[in-house]
Amino acid sequence: MTLKQILPLAAALALLASPAMAQNDALRAACGNDVKTLCAGIQPGGGRIAKCLTDQSSKVSAQCKAAMASAAPAGAATTAPKN
């Protein structure tokens, strides 16, 4: 594969990744304090933080709940904590 072929593919991948990265940044901003206080000992990865927040749903902030709900894929069951 030549450089001329690789550059457009790399650009396309970067554009596809951007929404997901922005979504992760929004979740970190909205849920960072909740994760620090409610899930301090939980190792990130494998959905463990989302499960922790769901398990602690009565204590999760409204902003974090909203961010988790908006981050859920369309048509998928949300993992956002419910009231």
PDB file of N, CA and C in Angstrom:
ATOM      1  N   MET A   1       0.849  -1.173   0.000  1.00  0.00           N
ATOM      2  CA  MET A   1       0.000   0.000   0.000  1.00  0.00           C
ATOM      3  C   MET A   1       0.898   1.239   0.000  1.00  0.00           C
ATOM      4  N   THR A   2       0.542   2.198  -0.821  1.00  0.00           N
ATOM      5  CA  THR A   2       1.354   3.409  -0.922  1.00  0.00           C
ATOM      6  C   THR A   2       0.877   4.463   0.067  1.00  0.00           C
ATOM      7  N   LEU A   3       1.704   5.482   0.244  1.00  0.00           N
ATOM      8  CA  LEU A   3       1.356   6.575   1.136  1.00  0.00           C
ATOM      9  C   LEU A   3       0.095   7.289   0.665  1.00  0.00           C
ATOM     10  N   LYS A   4      -0.061   7.396  -0.661  1.00  0.00           N
ATOM     11  CA  LYS A   4      -1.271   8.031  -1.210  1.00  0.00           C
ATOM     12  C   LYS A   4      -2.521   7.242  -0.849  1.00  0.00           C
ATOM     13  N   GLN A   5      -2.418   5.955  -0.683  1.00  0.00           N
ATOM     14  CA  GLN A   5      -3.552   5.116  -0.319  1.00  0.00           C
ATOM     15  C   GLN A   5      -3.786   5.133   1.193  1.00  0.00           C
ATOM     16  N   ILE A   6      -2.735   5.236   1.947  1.00  0.00           N
ATOM     17  CA  ILE A   6      -2.841   5.179   3.407  1.00  0.00           C
ATOM     18  C   ILE A   6      -3.413   6.473   3.988  1.00  0.00           C
ATOM     19  N   LEU A   7      -3.008   7.623   3.485  1.00  0.00           N
ATOM     20  CA  LEU A   7      -3.446   8.899   4.051  1.00  0.00           C
ATOM     21  C   LEU A   7      -4.963   9.067   4.055  1.00  0.00           C
ATOM     22  N   PRO A   8      -5.677   8.798   2.951  1.00  0.00           N
ATOM     23  CA  PRO A   8      -7.141   8.937   3.019  1.00  0.00           C
ATOM     24  C   PRO A   8      -7.782   7.969   4.015  1.00  0.00           C
ATOM     25  N   LEU A   9      -7.241   6.773   4.120  1.00  0.00           N
ATOM     26  CA  LEU A   9      -7.776   5.808   5.089  1.00  0.00           C
ATOM     27  C   LEU A   9      -7.552   6.290   6.523  1.00  0.00           C
ATOM     28  N   ALA A  10      -6.386   6.824   6.787  1.00  0.00           N
ATOM     29  CA  ALA A  10      -6.085   7.342   8.115  1.00  0.00           C
ATOM     30  C   ALA A  10      -6.987   8.519   8.454  1.00  0.00           C
ATOM     31  N   ALA A  11      -7.219   9.387   7.489  1.00  0.00           N
ATOM     32  CA  ALA A  11      -8.107  10.528   7.716  1.00  0.00           C
ATOM     33  C   ALA A  11      -9.530  10.065   8.000  1.00  0.00           C
ATOM     34  N   ALA A  12     -10.004   9.074   7.263  1.00  0.00           N
ATOM     35  CA  ALA A  12     -11.356   8.550   7.477  1.00  0.00           C
ATOM     36  C   ALA A  12     -11.485   7.925   8.861  1.00  0.00           C
ATOM     37  N   LEU A  13     -10.475   7.179   9.265  1.00  0.00           N
ATOM     38  CA  LEU A  13     -10.505   6.574  10.600  1.00  0.00           C
ATOM     39  C   LEU A  13     -10.509   7.627  11.695  1.00  0.00           C
ATOM     40  N   ALA A  14      -9.757   8.692  11.501  1.00  0.00           N
ATOM     41  CA  ALA A  14      -9.721   9.774  12.491  1.00  0.00           C
ATOM     42  C   ALA A  14     -11.092  10.442  12.601  1.00  0.00           C
ATOM     43  N   LEU A  15     -11.759  10.639  11.486  1.00  0.00           N
ATOM     44  CA  LEU A  15     -13.095  11.248  11.516  1.00  0.00           C
ATOM     45  C   LEU A  15     -14.104  10.339  12.200  1.00  0.00           C
ATOM     46  N   LEU A  16     -13.993   9.046  11.960  1.00  0.00           N
ATOM     47  CA  LEU A  16     -14.916   8.107  12.604  1.00  0.00           C
ATOM     48  C   LEU A  16     -14.676   8.029  14.104  1.00  0.00           C
ATOM     49  N   ALA A  17     -13.445   8.155  14.531  1.00  0.00           N
ATOM     50  CA  ALA A  17     -13.107   8.045  15.951  1.00  0.00           C
ATOM     51  C   ALA A  17     -13.479   9.298  16.727  1.00  0.00           C
ATOM     52  N   SER A  18     -13.529  10.443  16.081  1.00  0.00           N
ATOM     53  CA  SER A  18     -13.761  11.707  16.770  1.00  0.00           C
ATOM     54  C   SER A  18     -15.036  11.746  17.604  1.00  0.00           C
ATOM     55  N   PRO A  19     -16.210  11.316  17.083  1.00  0.00           N
ATOM     56  CA  PRO A  19     -17.419  11.354  17.918  1.00  0.00           C
ATOM     57  C   PRO A  19     -17.296  10.481  19.164  1.00  0.00           C
ATOM     58  N   ALA A  20     -16.687   9.320  19.023  1.00  0.00           N
ATOM     59  CA  ALA A  20     -16.537   8.434  20.178  1.00  0.00           C
ATOM     60  C   ALA A  20     -15.623   9.057  21.215  1.00  0.00           C
ATOM     61  N   MET A  21     -14.560   9.702  20.769  1.00  0.00           N
ATOM     62  CA  MET A  21     -13.633  10.338  21.711  1.00  0.00           C
ATOM     63  C   MET A  21     -14.313  11.516  22.405  1.00  0.00           C
ATOM     64  N   ALA A  22     -15.097  12.287  21.660  1.00  0.00           N
ATOM     65  CA  ALA A  22     -15.817  13.411  22.265  1.00  0.00           C
ATOM     66  C   ALA A  22     -16.830  12.903  23.276  1.00  0.00           C
ATOM     67  N   GLN A  23     -17.467  11.787  22.961  1.00  0.00           N
ATOM     68  CA  GLN A  23     -18.441  11.197  23.871  1.00  0.00           C
ATOM     69  C   GLN A  23     -17.757  10.752  25.162  1.00  0.00           C
ATOM     70  N   ASN A  24     -16.588  10.138  25.047  1.00  0.00           N
ATOM     71  CA  ASN A  24     -15.841   9.723  26.236  1.00  0.00           C
ATOM     72  C   ASN A  24     -15.437  10.928  27.073  1.00  0.00           C
ATOM     73  N   ASP A  25     -15.030  12.010  26.416  1.00  0.00           N
ATOM     74  CA  ASP A  25     -14.668  13.227  27.146  1.00  0.00           C
ATOM     75  C   ASP A  25     -15.866  13.784  27.898  1.00  0.00           C
ATOM     76  N   ALA A  26     -17.048  13.758  27.261  1.00  0.00           N
ATOM     77  CA  ALA A  26     -18.265  14.249  27.908  1.00  0.00           C
ATOM     78  C   ALA A  26     -18.617  13.386  29.114  1.00  0.00           C
ATOM     79  N   LEU A  27     -18.463  12.076  28.985  1.00  0.00           N
ATOM     80  CA  LEU A  27     -18.741  11.183  30.114  1.00  0.00           C
ATOM     81  C   LEU A  27     -17.757  11.430  31.257  1.00  0.00           C
ATOM     82  N   ARG A  28     -16.496  11.606  30.925  1.00  0.00           N
ATOM     83  CA  ARG A  28     -15.496  11.878  31.971  1.00  0.00           C
ATOM     84  C   ARG A  28     -15.814  13.174  32.701  1.00  0.00           C
ATOM     85  N   ALA A  29     -16.204  14.193  31.939  1.00  0.00           N
ATOM     86  CA  ALA A  29     -16.510  15.483  32.555  1.00  0.00           C
ATOM     87  C   ALA A  29     -17.741  15.386  33.448  1.00  0.00           C
ATOM     88  N   ALA A  30     -18.773  14.688  32.983  1.00  0.00           N
ATOM     89  CA  ALA A  30     -20.020  14.610  33.731  1.00  0.00           C
ATOM     90  C   ALA A  30     -19.957  13.629  34.898  1.00  0.00           C
ATOM     91  N   CYS A  31     -19.174  12.578  34.743  1.00  0.00           N
ATOM     92  CA  CYS A  31     -19.186  11.504  35.748  1.00  0.00           C
ATOM     93  C   CYS A  31     -17.899  11.384  36.559  1.00  0.00           C
ATOM     94  N   GLY A  32     -16.928  12.228  36.267  1.00  0.00           N
ATOM     95  CA  GLY A  32     -15.640  12.103  36.945  1.00  0.00           C
ATOM     96  C   GLY A  32     -15.723  12.117  38.450  1.00  0.00           C
ATOM     97  N   ASN A  33     -16.466  13.055  39.003  1.00  0.00           N
ATOM     98  CA  ASN A  33     -16.582  13.129  40.464  1.00  0.00           C
ATOM     99  C   ASN A  33     -17.337  11.932  41.029  1.00  0.00           C
ATOM    100  N   ASP A  34     -18.357  11.464  40.305  1.00  0.00           N
ATOM    101  CA  ASP A  34     -19.102  10.287  40.754  1.00  0.00           C
ATOM    102  C   ASP A  34     -18.194   9.057  40.780  1.00  0.00           C
ATOM    103  N   VAL A  35     -17.394   8.897  39.748  1.00  0.00           N
ATOM    104  CA  VAL A  35     -16.480   7.754  39.688  1.00  0.00           C
ATOM    105  C   VAL A  35     -15.476   7.835  40.831  1.00  0.00           C
ATOM    106  N   LYS A  36     -14.931   9.020  41.076  1.00  0.00           N
ATOM    107  CA  LYS A  36     -13.942   9.183  42.150  1.00  0.00           C
ATOM    108  C   LYS A  36     -14.524   8.867  43.522  1.00  0.00           C
ATOM    109  N   THR A  37     -15.759   9.291  43.757  1.00  0.00           N
ATOM    110  CA  THR A  37     -16.329   9.101  45.090  1.00  0.00           C
ATOM    111  C   THR A  37     -17.042   7.763  45.259  1.00  0.00           C
ATOM    112  N   LEU A  38     -17.710   7.287  44.214  1.00  0.00           N
ATOM    113  CA  LEU A  38     -18.522   6.075  44.347  1.00  0.00           C
ATOM    114  C   LEU A  38     -17.803   4.804  43.911  1.00  0.00           C
ATOM    115  N   CYS A  39     -16.821   4.947  43.036  1.00  0.00           N
ATOM    116  CA  CYS A  39     -16.172   3.771  42.444  1.00  0.00           C
ATOM    117  C   CYS A  39     -14.654   3.833  42.567  1.00  0.00           C
ATOM    118  N   ALA A  40     -14.180   4.406  43.637  1.00  0.00           N
ATOM    119  CA  ALA A  40     -12.743   4.657  43.810  1.00  0.00           C
ATOM    120  C   ALA A  40     -11.890   3.403  43.678  1.00  0.00           C
ATOM    121  N   GLY A  41     -12.332   2.278  44.151  1.00  0.00           N
ATOM    122  CA  GLY A  41     -11.516   1.067  44.122  1.00  0.00           C
ATOM    123  C   GLY A  41     -11.754   0.172  42.927  1.00  0.00           C
ATOM    124  N   ILE A  42     -12.531   0.625  41.969  1.00  0.00           N
ATOM    125  CA  ILE A  42     -12.885  -0.211  40.820  1.00  0.00           C
ATOM    126  C   ILE A  42     -11.855  -0.036  39.703  1.00  0.00           C
ATOM    127  N   GLN A  43     -11.363  -1.153  39.183  1.00  0.00           N
ATOM    128  CA  GLN A  43     -10.422  -1.141  38.061  1.00  0.00           C
ATOM    129  C   GLN A  43     -11.189  -0.854  36.772  1.00  0.00           C
ATOM    130  N   PRO A  44     -10.806   0.198  36.023  1.00  0.00           N
ATOM    131  CA  PRO A  44     -11.493   0.495  34.762  1.00  0.00           C
ATOM    132  C   PRO A  44     -11.342  -0.629  33.740  1.00  0.00           C
ATOM    133  N   GLY A  45     -12.331  -0.733  32.869  1.00  0.00           N
ATOM    134  CA  GLY A  45     -12.316  -1.725  31.799  1.00  0.00           C
ATOM    135  C   GLY A  45     -13.383  -2.769  31.985  1.00  0.00           C
ATOM    136  N   GLY A  46     -13.842  -3.287  30.879  1.00  0.00           N
ATOM    137  CA  GLY A  46     -14.821  -4.367  30.920  1.00  0.00           C
ATOM    138  C   GLY A  46     -16.187  -3.952  31.429  1.00  0.00           C
ATOM    139  N   GLY A  47     -16.469  -2.653  31.426  1.00  0.00           N
ATOM    140  CA  GLY A  47     -17.770  -2.183  31.888  1.00  0.00           C
ATOM    141  C   GLY A  47     -17.898  -2.097  33.400  1.00  0.00           C
ATOM    142  N   ARG A  48     -16.784  -2.259  34.125  1.00  0.00           N
ATOM    143  CA  ARG A  48     -16.848  -2.267  35.587  1.00  0.00           C
ATOM    144  C   ARG A  48     -17.262  -0.915  36.166  1.00  0.00           C
ATOM    145  N   ILE A  49     -16.802   0.189  35.554  1.00  0.00           N
ATOM    146  CA  ILE A  49     -17.171   1.515  36.057  1.00  0.00           C
ATOM    147  C   ILE A  49     -18.656   1.764  35.818  1.00  0.00           C
ATOM    148  N   ALA A  50     -19.141   1.426  34.622  1.00  0.00           N
ATOM    149  CA  ALA A  50     -20.573   1.594  34.328  1.00  0.00           C
ATOM    150  C   ALA A  50     -21.415   0.757  35.285  1.00  0.00           C
ATOM    151  N   LYS A  51     -20.982  -0.464  35.574  1.00  0.00           N
ATOM    152  CA  LYS A  51     -21.716  -1.315  36.510  1.00  0.00           C
ATOM    153  C   LYS A  51     -21.699  -0.709  37.906  1.00  0.00           C
ATOM    154  N   CYS A  52     -20.558  -0.189  38.317  1.00  0.00           N
ATOM    155  CA  CYS A  52     -20.457   0.451  39.623  1.00  0.00           C
ATOM    156  C   CYS A  52     -21.442   1.612  39.724  1.00  0.00           C
ATOM    157  N   LEU A  53     -21.470   2.459  38.693  1.00  0.00           N
ATOM    158  CA  LEU A  53     -22.392   3.603  38.706  1.00  0.00           C
ATOM    159  C   LEU A  53     -23.844   3.137  38.710  1.00  0.00           C
ATOM    160  N   THR A  54     -24.137   2.077  37.968  1.00  0.00           N
ATOM    161  CA  THR A  54     -25.495   1.535  37.954  1.00  0.00           C
ATOM    162  C   THR A  54     -25.861   0.987  39.328  1.00  0.00           C
ATOM    163  N   ASP A  55     -24.929   0.274  39.938  1.00  0.00           N
ATOM    164  CA  ASP A  55     -25.176  -0.283  41.276  1.00  0.00           C
ATOM    165  C   ASP A  55     -25.384   0.813  42.319  1.00  0.00           C
ATOM    166  N   GLN A  56     -24.772   1.980  42.095  1.00  0.00           N
ATOM    167  CA  GLN A  56     -24.864   3.109  43.031  1.00  0.00           C
ATOM    168  C   GLN A  56     -25.863   4.160  42.525  1.00  0.00           C
ATOM    169  N   SER A  57     -26.815   3.761  41.702  1.00  0.00           N
ATOM    170  CA  SER A  57     -27.668   4.701  40.969  1.00  0.00           C
ATOM    171  C   SER A  57     -28.348   5.746  41.851  1.00  0.00           C
ATOM    172  N   SER A  58     -28.684   5.405  43.066  1.00  0.00           N
ATOM    173  CA  SER A  58     -29.348   6.384  43.922  1.00  0.00           C
ATOM    174  C   SER A  58     -28.426   7.520  44.340  1.00  0.00           C
ATOM    175  N   LYS A  59     -27.118   7.315  44.192  1.00  0.00           N
ATOM    176  CA  LYS A  59     -26.142   8.329  44.597  1.00  0.00           C
ATOM    177  C   LYS A  59     -25.499   9.059  43.416  1.00  0.00           C
ATOM    178  N   VAL A  60     -25.755   8.598  42.188  1.00  0.00           N
ATOM    179  CA  VAL A  60     -25.136   9.183  40.992  1.00  0.00           C
ATOM    180  C   VAL A  60     -25.785  10.530  40.693  1.00  0.00           C
ATOM    181  N   SER A  61     -24.967  11.499  40.303  1.00  0.00           N
ATOM    182  CA  SER A  61     -25.462  12.839  40.002  1.00  0.00           C
ATOM    183  C   SER A  61     -26.352  12.827  38.759  1.00  0.00           C
ATOM    184  N   ALA A  62     -27.256  13.801  38.699  1.00  0.00           N
ATOM    185  CA  ALA A  62     -28.163  13.918  37.561  1.00  0.00           C
ATOM    186  C   ALA A  62     -27.389  14.152  36.269  1.00  0.00           C
ATOM    187  N   GLN A  63     -26.307  14.934  36.331  1.00  0.00           N
ATOM    188  CA  GLN A  63     -25.530  15.201  35.117  1.00  0.00           C
ATOM    189  C   GLN A  63     -24.864  13.938  34.590  1.00  0.00           C
ATOM    190  N   CYS A  64     -24.409  13.070  35.469  1.00  0.00           N
ATOM    191  CA  CYS A  64     -23.797  11.818  35.047  1.00  0.00           C
ATOM    192  C   CYS A  64     -24.855  10.892  34.446  1.00  0.00           C
ATOM    193  N   LYS A  65     -26.013  10.808  35.083  1.00  0.00           N
ATOM    194  CA  LYS A  65     -27.098   9.981  34.541  1.00  0.00           C
ATOM    195  C   LYS A  65     -27.469  10.436  33.142  1.00  0.00           C
ATOM    196  N   ALA A  66     -27.565  11.737  32.945  1.00  0.00           N
ATOM    197  CA  ALA A  66     -27.929  12.277  31.632  1.00  0.00           C
ATOM    198  C   ALA A  66     -26.843  11.961  30.599  1.00  0.00           C
ATOM    199  N   ALA A  67     -25.586  12.096  30.971  1.00  0.00           N
ATOM    200  CA  ALA A  67     -24.487  11.818  30.040  1.00  0.00           C
ATOM    201  C   ALA A  67     -24.457  10.343  29.663  1.00  0.00           C
ATOM    202  N   MET A  68     -24.687   9.466  30.623  1.00  0.00           N
ATOM    203  CA  MET A  68     -24.703   8.038  30.326  1.00  0.00           C
ATOM    204  C   MET A  68     -25.874   7.683  29.416  1.00  0.00           C
ATOM    205  N   ALA A  69     -27.011   8.302  29.639  1.00  0.00           N
ATOM    206  CA  ALA A  69     -28.180   8.021  28.803  1.00  0.00           C
ATOM    207  C   ALA A  69     -27.947   8.494  27.369  1.00  0.00           C
ATOM    208  N   SER A  70     -27.325   9.658  27.203  1.00  0.00           N
ATOM    209  CA  SER A  70     -27.085  10.168  25.851  1.00  0.00           C
ATOM    210  C   SER A  70     -25.964   9.416  25.154  1.00  0.00           C
ATOM    211  N   ALA A  71     -25.099   8.756  25.898  1.00  0.00           N
ATOM    212  CA  ALA A  71     -23.992   8.006  25.308  1.00  0.00           C
ATOM    213  C   ALA A  71     -24.411   6.616  24.856  1.00  0.00           C
ATOM    214  N   ALA A  72     -25.557   6.142  25.314  1.00  0.00           N
ATOM    215  CA  ALA A  72     -26.018   4.800  24.945  1.00  0.00           C
ATOM    216  C   ALA A  72     -26.339   4.766  23.459  1.00  0.00           C
ATOM    217  N   PRO A  73     -25.938   3.715  22.753  1.00  0.00           N
ATOM    218  CA  PRO A  73     -26.251   3.606  21.327  1.00  0.00           C
ATOM    219  C   PRO A  73     -27.762   3.590  21.096  1.00  0.00           C
ATOM    220  N   ALA A  74     -28.185   4.180  20.001  1.00  0.00           N
ATOM    221  CA  ALA A  74     -29.611   4.219  19.667  1.00  0.00           C
ATOM    222  C   ALA A  74     -30.146   2.797  19.555  1.00  0.00           C
ATOM    223  N   GLY A  75     -31.266   2.555  20.186  1.00  0.00           N
ATOM    224  CA  GLY A  75     -31.905   1.242  20.133  1.00  0.00           C
ATOM    225  C   GLY A  75     -31.348   0.237  21.121  1.00  0.00           C
ATOM    226  N   ALA A  76     -30.311   0.610  21.830  1.00  0.00           N
ATOM    227  CA  ALA A  76     -29.714  -0.312  22.799  1.00  0.00           C
ATOM    228  C   ALA A  76     -30.261  -0.012  24.182  1.00  0.00           C
ATOM    229  N   ALA A  77     -30.259  -1.023  25.014  1.00  0.00           N
ATOM    230  CA  ALA A  77     -30.660  -0.814  26.401  1.00  0.00           C
ATOM    231  C   ALA A  77     -29.603   0.041  27.057  1.00  0.00           C
ATOM    232  N   THR A  78     -30.016   1.034  27.783  1.00  0.00           N
ATOM    233  CA  THR A  78     -29.062   1.946  28.419  1.00  0.00           C
ATOM    234  C   THR A  78     -28.534   1.351  29.711  1.00  0.00           C
ATOM    235  N   THR A  79     -27.283   1.685  30.012  1.00  0.00           N
ATOM    236  CA  THR A  79     -26.701   1.261  31.284  1.00  0.00           C
ATOM    237  C   THR A  79     -26.734   2.417  32.273  1.00  0.00           C
ATOM    238  N   ALA A  80     -27.373   3.508  31.872  1.00  0.00           N
ATOM    239  CA  ALA A  80     -27.444   4.658  32.754  1.00  0.00           C
ATOM    240  C   ALA A  80     -28.284   4.331  33.975  1.00  0.00           C
ATOM    241  N   PRO A  81     -27.840   4.765  35.117  1.00  0.00           N
ATOM    242  CA  PRO A  81     -28.603   4.521  36.331  1.00  0.00           C
ATOM    243  C   PRO A  81     -29.966   5.179  36.267  1.00  0.00           C
ATOM    244  N   LYS A  82     -30.957   4.518  36.794  1.00  0.00           N
ATOM    245  CA  LYS A  82     -32.311   5.052  36.821  1.00  0.00           C
ATOM    246  C   LYS A  82     -32.591   5.616  38.216  1.00  0.00           C
ATOM    247  N   ASN A  83     -33.550   6.535  38.294  1.00  0.00           N
ATOM    248  CA  ASN A  83     -33.919   7.101  39.603  1.00  0.00           C
ATOM    249  C   ASN A  83     -34.699   6.110  40.418  1.00  0.00           C
TER     250      ASN A  83
END
